[in-house]
């Protein structure tokens, strides 16, 4: 009985940890990008990386490139042969209509997974401020129009996929004096790991079922 209670406590703690949202902060001022992640009381700065991290990453990348350069040539030929044999076997078994049906099911799976994942992402704040400016007044006016045509529809399209807690702060101005365009962007979004895990399990099972269906065919 005590073991069962301990098991329930562990499950409850895991569920509680998975319900704690992961927050992502993105800030861009036209030159520098700051990217950080916060989970509960832990905050990790990703960009810009520290000098020690940059040196360590460069060393590991140089070692990996040397070891992988020789393997790539042999692996590419093997993968191409395997891919051709699989496609030819599927084509012989089901024909063009069968391949089209499989591609359609894969697209539906990918669309459903992306839709469920993006719908659980909450944007707490989105701030976009752009001062469009060039040396020529006509170019400034034209670029100001192009910027408005690009930014406002993009934000409107994002509202169809993400959940906004606040109305996005969009400010686009035409500056005819400075001669230099300035951009300021700030995004704070969050997602609960439990929802991502459930979507991954659900669509992972569907993907396995589709794979078995292809093999049987």
C-alpha atoms as a PDB file:
ATOM      1  CA  UNK A   1       0.000   0.000   0.000  1.00  0.00           C
ATOM      2  CA  UNK A   2       2.827   2.386   0.857  1.00  0.00           C
ATOM      3  CA  UNK A   3       4.492   1.636  -2.463  1.00  0.00           C
ATOM      4  CA  UNK A   4       1.298   2.475  -4.343  1.00  0.00           C
ATOM      5  CA  UNK A   5       0.997   5.794  -2.482  1.00  0.00           C
ATOM      6  CA  UNK A   6       4.616   6.641  -3.329  1.00  0.00           C
ATOM      7  CA  UNK A   7       3.910   5.783  -6.973  1.00  0.00           C
ATOM      8  CA  UNK A   8       0.893   8.120  -6.998  1.00  0.00           C
ATOM      9  CA  UNK A   9       2.952  10.894  -5.405  1.00  0.00           C
ATOM     10  CA  UNK A  10       5.663  10.501  -8.068  1.00  0.00           C
ATOM     11  CA  UNK A  11       3.047  10.625 -10.864  1.00  0.00           C
ATOM     12  CA  UNK A  12       1.479  13.741  -9.310  1.00  0.00           C
ATOM     13  CA  UNK A  13       4.866  15.459  -9.062  1.00  0.00           C
ATOM     14  CA  UNK A  14       5.672  14.621 -12.699  1.00  0.00           C
ATOM     15  CA  UNK A  15       2.294  15.952 -13.859  1.00  0.00           C
ATOM     16  CA  UNK A  16       2.821  19.108 -11.807  1.00  0.00           C
ATOM     17  CA  UNK A  17       6.242  19.667 -13.389  1.00  0.00           C
ATOM     18  CA  UNK A  18       4.802  19.111 -16.849  1.00  0.00           C
ATOM     19  CA  UNK A  19       2.057  21.662 -16.166  1.00  0.00           C
ATOM     20  CA  UNK A  20       4.559  24.405 -15.320  1.00  0.00           C
ATOM     21  CA  UNK A  21       4.833  26.547 -18.483  1.00  0.00           C
ATOM     22  CA  UNK A  22       8.117  27.084 -20.291  1.00  0.00           C
ATOM     23  CA  UNK A  23       8.565  30.773 -21.147  1.00  0.00           C
ATOM     24  CA  UNK A  24      10.563  32.003 -24.119  1.00  0.00           C
ATOM     25  CA  UNK A  25      11.769  35.616 -24.381  1.00  0.00           C
ATOM     26  CA  UNK A  26      12.965  37.065 -27.694  1.00  0.00           C
ATOM     27  CA  UNK A  27      14.268  40.615 -28.016  1.00  0.00           C
ATOM     28  CA  UNK A  28      15.760  42.220 -31.121  1.00  0.00           C
ATOM     29  CA  UNK A  29      16.910  45.840 -31.471  1.00  0.00           C
ATOM     30  CA  UNK A  30      18.038  45.803 -35.099  1.00  0.00           C
ATOM     31  CA  UNK A  31      21.579  44.649 -34.299  1.00  0.00           C
ATOM     32  CA  UNK A  32      21.562  42.311 -31.302  1.00  0.00           C
ATOM     33  CA  UNK A  33      19.307  39.375 -30.498  1.00  0.00           C
ATOM     34  CA  UNK A  34      18.630  38.263 -26.926  1.00  0.00           C
ATOM     35  CA  UNK A  35      17.039  34.865 -26.419  1.00  0.00           C
ATOM     36  CA  UNK A  36      16.334  33.313 -23.031  1.00  0.00           C
ATOM     37  CA  UNK A  37      14.212  30.479 -21.613  1.00  0.00           C
ATOM     38  CA  UNK A  38      12.633  30.369 -18.168  1.00  0.00           C
ATOM     39  CA  UNK A  39      11.160  27.327 -16.440  1.00  0.00           C
ATOM     40  CA  UNK A  40       9.751  27.968 -12.960  1.00  0.00           C
ATOM     41  CA  UNK A  41      12.570  29.787 -11.137  1.00  0.00           C
ATOM     42  CA  UNK A  42      15.295  28.755 -13.589  1.00  0.00           C
ATOM     43  CA  UNK A  43      16.252  31.161 -16.379  1.00  0.00           C
ATOM     44  CA  UNK A  44      18.780  30.231 -19.078  1.00  0.00           C
ATOM     45  CA  UNK A  45      20.276  32.732 -21.501  1.00  0.00           C
ATOM     46  CA  UNK A  46      20.777  31.245 -24.974  1.00  0.00           C
ATOM     47  CA  UNK A  47      21.704  34.293 -27.046  1.00  0.00           C
ATOM     48  CA  UNK A  48      24.132  35.942 -27.063  1.00  0.00           C
ATOM     49  CA  UNK A  49      26.303  33.004 -25.883  1.00  0.00           C
ATOM     50  CA  UNK A  50      29.213  33.542 -23.540  1.00  0.00           C
ATOM     51  CA  UNK A  51      32.792  33.404 -24.828  1.00  0.00           C
ATOM     52  CA  UNK A  52      33.461  30.084 -23.099  1.00  0.00           C
ATOM     53  CA  UNK A  53      30.449  28.482 -24.733  1.00  0.00           C
ATOM     54  CA  UNK A  54      31.441  29.784 -28.177  1.00  0.00           C
ATOM     55  CA  UNK A  55      34.948  28.323 -27.866  1.00  0.00           C
ATOM     56  CA  UNK A  56      33.626  24.972 -26.663  1.00  0.00           C
ATOM     57  CA  UNK A  57      31.067  24.801 -29.469  1.00  0.00           C
ATOM     58  CA  UNK A  58      33.683  25.630 -32.103  1.00  0.00           C
ATOM     59  CA  UNK A  59      36.002  22.880 -30.838  1.00  0.00           C
ATOM     60  CA  UNK A  60      33.267  20.245 -30.838  1.00  0.00           C
ATOM     61  CA  UNK A  61      32.016  21.317 -34.286  1.00  0.00           C
ATOM     62  CA  UNK A  62      35.505  21.085 -35.785  1.00  0.00           C
ATOM     63  CA  UNK A  63      35.941  17.566 -34.384  1.00  0.00           C
ATOM     64  CA  UNK A  64      32.524  16.454 -35.611  1.00  0.00           C
ATOM     65  CA  UNK A  65      33.140  17.807 -39.118  1.00  0.00           C
ATOM     66  CA  UNK A  66      36.356  15.798 -39.431  1.00  0.00           C
ATOM     67  CA  UNK A  67      34.744  12.565 -38.269  1.00  0.00           C
ATOM     68  CA  UNK A  68      31.528  12.999 -40.283  1.00  0.00           C
ATOM     69  CA  UNK A  69      33.124  14.068 -43.575  1.00  0.00           C
ATOM     70  CA  UNK A  70      34.325  10.535 -44.321  1.00  0.00           C
ATOM     71  CA  UNK A  71      31.053   8.873 -43.315  1.00  0.00           C
ATOM     72  CA  UNK A  72      28.790  11.136 -45.382  1.00  0.00           C
ATOM     73  CA  UNK A  73      29.933   9.836 -48.767  1.00  0.00           C
ATOM     74  CA  UNK A  74      29.319   6.180 -47.885  1.00  0.00           C
ATOM     75  CA  UNK A  75      26.058   6.877 -46.030  1.00  0.00           C
ATOM     76  CA  UNK A  76      24.592   8.931 -48.922  1.00  0.00           C
ATOM     77  CA  UNK A  77      24.979   6.107 -51.418  1.00  0.00           C
ATOM     78  CA  UNK A  78      23.435   3.572 -49.013  1.00  0.00           C
ATOM     79  CA  UNK A  79      20.499   5.868 -48.181  1.00  0.00           C
ATOM     80  CA  UNK A  80      19.796   6.591 -51.852  1.00  0.00           C
ATOM     81  CA  UNK A  81      19.704   2.877 -52.667  1.00  0.00           C
ATOM     82  CA  UNK A  82      17.386   2.157 -49.719  1.00  0.00           C
ATOM     83  CA  UNK A  83      15.087   5.051 -50.632  1.00  0.00           C
ATOM     84  CA  UNK A  84      14.832   3.929 -54.256  1.00  0.00           C
ATOM     85  CA  UNK A  85      14.082   0.325 -53.255  1.00  0.00           C
ATOM     86  CA  UNK A  86      11.319   1.414 -50.829  1.00  0.00           C
ATOM     87  CA  UNK A  87       9.680   3.746 -53.348  1.00  0.00           C
ATOM     88  CA  UNK A  88       9.837   1.133 -56.099  1.00  0.00           C
ATOM     89  CA  UNK A  89       8.309  -1.541 -53.849  1.00  0.00           C
ATOM     90  CA  UNK A  90       5.471   0.789 -52.784  1.00  0.00           C
ATOM     91  CA  UNK A  91       4.858   1.808 -56.385  1.00  0.00           C
ATOM     92  CA  UNK A  92       4.664  -1.838 -57.503  1.00  0.00           C
ATOM     93  CA  UNK A  93       2.312  -2.727 -54.664  1.00  0.00           C
ATOM     94  CA  UNK A  94      -0.125   0.208 -54.754  1.00  0.00           C
ATOM     95  CA  UNK A  95       0.598   2.247 -57.875  1.00  0.00           C
ATOM     96  CA  UNK A  96       0.473   6.022 -58.240  1.00  0.00           C
ATOM     97  CA  UNK A  97      -2.879   6.323 -56.444  1.00  0.00           C
ATOM     98  CA  UNK A  98      -1.492   4.431 -53.459  1.00  0.00           C
ATOM     99  CA  UNK A  99       1.553   6.690 -53.222  1.00  0.00           C
ATOM    100  CA  UNK A 100      -0.673   9.769 -53.479  1.00  0.00           C
ATOM    101  CA  UNK A 101      -2.879   8.383 -50.698  1.00  0.00           C
ATOM    102  CA  UNK A 102       0.140   7.793 -48.440  1.00  0.00           C
ATOM    103  CA  UNK A 103       1.480  11.302 -49.104  1.00  0.00           C
ATOM    104  CA  UNK A 104      -1.943  12.755 -48.288  1.00  0.00           C
ATOM    105  CA  UNK A 105      -2.072  10.882 -44.970  1.00  0.00           C
ATOM    106  CA  UNK A 106       1.438  12.080 -44.074  1.00  0.00           C
ATOM    107  CA  UNK A 107       0.432  15.689 -44.835  1.00  0.00           C
ATOM    108  CA  UNK A 108      -2.692  15.339 -42.667  1.00  0.00           C
ATOM    109  CA  UNK A 109      -0.605  13.962 -39.785  1.00  0.00           C
ATOM    110  CA  UNK A 110       1.913  16.795 -40.053  1.00  0.00           C
ATOM    111  CA  UNK A 111      -0.867  19.391 -40.313  1.00  0.00           C
ATOM    112  CA  UNK A 112      -2.672  17.993 -37.271  1.00  0.00           C
ATOM    113  CA  UNK A 113       0.501  17.839 -35.179  1.00  0.00           C
ATOM    114  CA  UNK A 114       1.507  21.401 -36.044  1.00  0.00           C
ATOM    115  CA  UNK A 115      -2.028  22.684 -35.472  1.00  0.00           C
ATOM    116  CA  UNK A 116      -2.326  21.078 -32.030  1.00  0.00           C
ATOM    117  CA  UNK A 117       1.172  22.184 -31.022  1.00  0.00           C
ATOM    118  CA  UNK A 118       0.782  25.798 -32.127  1.00  0.00           C
ATOM    119  CA  UNK A 119      -2.662  26.120 -30.551  1.00  0.00           C
ATOM    120  CA  UNK A 120      -1.141  25.456 -27.109  1.00  0.00           C
ATOM    121  CA  UNK A 121       1.487  28.191 -27.515  1.00  0.00           C
ATOM    122  CA  UNK A 122       0.374  31.360 -25.722  1.00  0.00           C
ATOM    123  CA  UNK A 123       1.831  34.724 -26.726  1.00  0.00           C
ATOM    124  CA  UNK A 124       1.711  36.961 -23.667  1.00  0.00           C
ATOM    125  CA  UNK A 125       3.247  39.966 -25.366  1.00  0.00           C
ATOM    126  CA  UNK A 126       4.168  40.875 -28.928  1.00  0.00           C
ATOM    127  CA  UNK A 127       5.692  44.287 -29.531  1.00  0.00           C
ATOM    128  CA  UNK A 128       6.884  45.439 -32.961  1.00  0.00           C
ATOM    129  CA  UNK A 129       8.166  48.969 -33.501  1.00  0.00           C
ATOM    130  CA  UNK A 130       9.617  50.019 -36.843  1.00  0.00           C
ATOM    131  CA  UNK A 131      10.833  53.441 -37.931  1.00  0.00           C
ATOM    132  CA  UNK A 132      11.281  53.280 -41.692  1.00  0.00           C
ATOM    133  CA  UNK A 133      13.803  55.790 -42.961  1.00  0.00           C
ATOM    134  CA  UNK A 134      16.073  56.205 -45.983  1.00  0.00           C
ATOM    135  CA  UNK A 135      18.012  59.038 -47.600  1.00  0.00           C
ATOM    136  CA  UNK A 136      15.223  59.616 -50.116  1.00  0.00           C
ATOM    137  CA  UNK A 137      11.701  60.658 -49.105  1.00  0.00           C
ATOM    138  CA  UNK A 138      10.073  58.700 -51.956  1.00  0.00           C
ATOM    139  CA  UNK A 139      11.913  55.486 -51.012  1.00  0.00           C
ATOM    140  CA  UNK A 140      10.950  56.012 -47.390  1.00  0.00           C
ATOM    141  CA  UNK A 141       7.273  56.304 -48.301  1.00  0.00           C
ATOM    142  CA  UNK A 142       7.427  53.216 -50.540  1.00  0.00           C
ATOM    143  CA  UNK A 143       9.249  51.094 -47.936  1.00  0.00           C
ATOM    144  CA  UNK A 144       6.823  52.299 -45.284  1.00  0.00           C
ATOM    145  CA  UNK A 145       3.942  50.943 -47.379  1.00  0.00           C
ATOM    146  CA  UNK A 146       5.738  47.642 -48.040  1.00  0.00           C
ATOM    147  CA  UNK A 147       6.473  47.258 -44.323  1.00  0.00           C
ATOM    148  CA  UNK A 148       2.849  47.817 -43.377  1.00  0.00           C
ATOM    149  CA  UNK A 149       1.712  45.338 -46.029  1.00  0.00           C
ATOM    150  CA  UNK A 150       4.103  42.729 -44.612  1.00  0.00           C
ATOM    151  CA  UNK A 151       3.793  43.201 -40.836  1.00  0.00           C
ATOM    152  CA  UNK A 152       0.045  43.610 -40.302  1.00  0.00           C
ATOM    153  CA  UNK A 153      -1.038  40.569 -42.385  1.00  0.00           C
ATOM    154  CA  UNK A 154       1.698  38.467 -40.736  1.00  0.00           C
ATOM    155  CA  UNK A 155       0.408  39.335 -37.260  1.00  0.00           C
ATOM    156  CA  UNK A 156      -3.143  38.644 -38.382  1.00  0.00           C
ATOM    157  CA  UNK A 157      -2.114  35.242 -39.756  1.00  0.00           C
ATOM    158  CA  UNK A 158      -0.300  34.426 -36.509  1.00  0.00           C
ATOM    159  CA  UNK A 159      -3.501  35.060 -34.539  1.00  0.00           C
ATOM    160  CA  UNK A 160      -5.096  32.124 -36.387  1.00  0.00           C
ATOM    161  CA  UNK A 161      -2.457  29.701 -35.045  1.00  0.00           C
ATOM    162  CA  UNK A 162      -1.409  31.109 -31.662  1.00  0.00           C
ATOM    163  CA  UNK A 163      -3.354  32.317 -28.636  1.00  0.00           C
ATOM    164  CA  UNK A 164      -2.768  35.985 -27.801  1.00  0.00           C
ATOM    165  CA  UNK A 165      -3.287  37.111 -24.212  1.00  0.00           C
ATOM    166  CA  UNK A 166      -2.968  40.771 -25.160  1.00  0.00           C
ATOM    167  CA  UNK A 167      -3.504  42.772 -28.304  1.00  0.00           C
ATOM    168  CA  UNK A 168      -0.183  42.963 -30.219  1.00  0.00           C
ATOM    169  CA  UNK A 169       1.596  46.310 -29.976  1.00  0.00           C
ATOM    170  CA  UNK A 170       2.352  47.272 -33.569  1.00  0.00           C
ATOM    171  CA  UNK A 171       3.812  50.673 -34.374  1.00  0.00           C
ATOM    172  CA  UNK A 172       5.177  51.526 -37.829  1.00  0.00           C
ATOM    173  CA  UNK A 173       6.298  55.056 -38.608  1.00  0.00           C
ATOM    174  CA  UNK A 174       7.827  56.799 -41.608  1.00  0.00           C
ATOM    175  CA  UNK A 175      10.893  58.788 -40.527  1.00  0.00           C
ATOM    176  CA  UNK A 176      12.002  61.304 -43.146  1.00  0.00           C
ATOM    177  CA  UNK A 177      14.819  62.804 -41.073  1.00  0.00           C
ATOM    178  CA  UNK A 178      17.199  60.215 -39.580  1.00  0.00           C
ATOM    179  CA  UNK A 179      17.960  58.258 -42.773  1.00  0.00           C
ATOM    180  CA  UNK A 180      18.295  54.969 -40.874  1.00  0.00           C
ATOM    181  CA  UNK A 181      15.641  52.315 -40.298  1.00  0.00           C
ATOM    182  CA  UNK A 182      15.229  51.154 -36.704  1.00  0.00           C
ATOM    183  CA  UNK A 183      13.553  47.925 -35.613  1.00  0.00           C
ATOM    184  CA  UNK A 184      12.579  46.824 -32.117  1.00  0.00           C
ATOM    185  CA  UNK A 185      10.950  43.449 -31.493  1.00  0.00           C
ATOM    186  CA  UNK A 186       9.927  41.773 -28.248  1.00  0.00           C
ATOM    187  CA  UNK A 187       8.103  38.459 -27.869  1.00  0.00           C
ATOM    188  CA  UNK A 188       7.180  36.547 -24.752  1.00  0.00           C
ATOM    189  CA  UNK A 189       5.489  33.200 -25.277  1.00  0.00           C
ATOM    190  CA  UNK A 190       4.861  30.144 -23.155  1.00  0.00           C
ATOM    191  CA  UNK A 191       3.806  26.528 -23.568  1.00  0.00           C
ATOM    192  CA  UNK A 192       3.068  23.718 -21.115  1.00  0.00           C
ATOM    193  CA  UNK A 193       5.249  20.626 -21.744  1.00  0.00           C
ATOM    194  CA  UNK A 194       2.326  18.301 -20.931  1.00  0.00           C
ATOM    195  CA  UNK A 195       0.392  19.400 -24.022  1.00  0.00           C
ATOM    196  CA  UNK A 196       3.447  18.939 -26.254  1.00  0.00           C
ATOM    197  CA  UNK A 197       4.050  15.470 -24.805  1.00  0.00           C
ATOM    198  CA  UNK A 198       0.424  14.433 -25.339  1.00  0.00           C
ATOM    199  CA  UNK A 199       0.485  15.650 -28.954  1.00  0.00           C
ATOM    200  CA  UNK A 200       3.782  13.859 -29.597  1.00  0.00           C
ATOM    201  CA  UNK A 201       2.417  10.575 -28.175  1.00  0.00           C
ATOM    202  CA  UNK A 202      -0.913  10.829 -30.025  1.00  0.00           C
ATOM    203  CA  UNK A 203       0.572  11.608 -33.441  1.00  0.00           C
ATOM    204  CA  UNK A 204       3.505   9.274 -32.816  1.00  0.00           C
ATOM    205  CA  UNK A 205       1.067   6.368 -32.460  1.00  0.00           C
ATOM    206  CA  UNK A 206      -0.704   7.477 -35.633  1.00  0.00           C
ATOM    207  CA  UNK A 207       2.622   7.634 -37.475  1.00  0.00           C
ATOM    208  CA  UNK A 208       3.515   4.113 -36.359  1.00  0.00           C
ATOM    209  CA  UNK A 209       0.104   2.872 -37.517  1.00  0.00           C
ATOM    210  CA  UNK A 210       0.646   4.495 -40.918  1.00  0.00           C
ATOM    211  CA  UNK A 211       4.134   2.978 -41.174  1.00  0.00           C
ATOM    212  CA  UNK A 212       2.766  -0.511 -40.411  1.00  0.00           C
ATOM    213  CA  UNK A 213       0.033   0.040 -42.985  1.00  0.00           C
ATOM    214  CA  UNK A 214       2.645   0.861 -45.639  1.00  0.00           C
ATOM    215  CA  UNK A 215       4.715  -2.207 -44.747  1.00  0.00           C
ATOM    216  CA  UNK A 216       1.691  -4.511 -44.962  1.00  0.00           C
ATOM    217  CA  UNK A 217       0.808  -3.072 -48.355  1.00  0.00           C
END
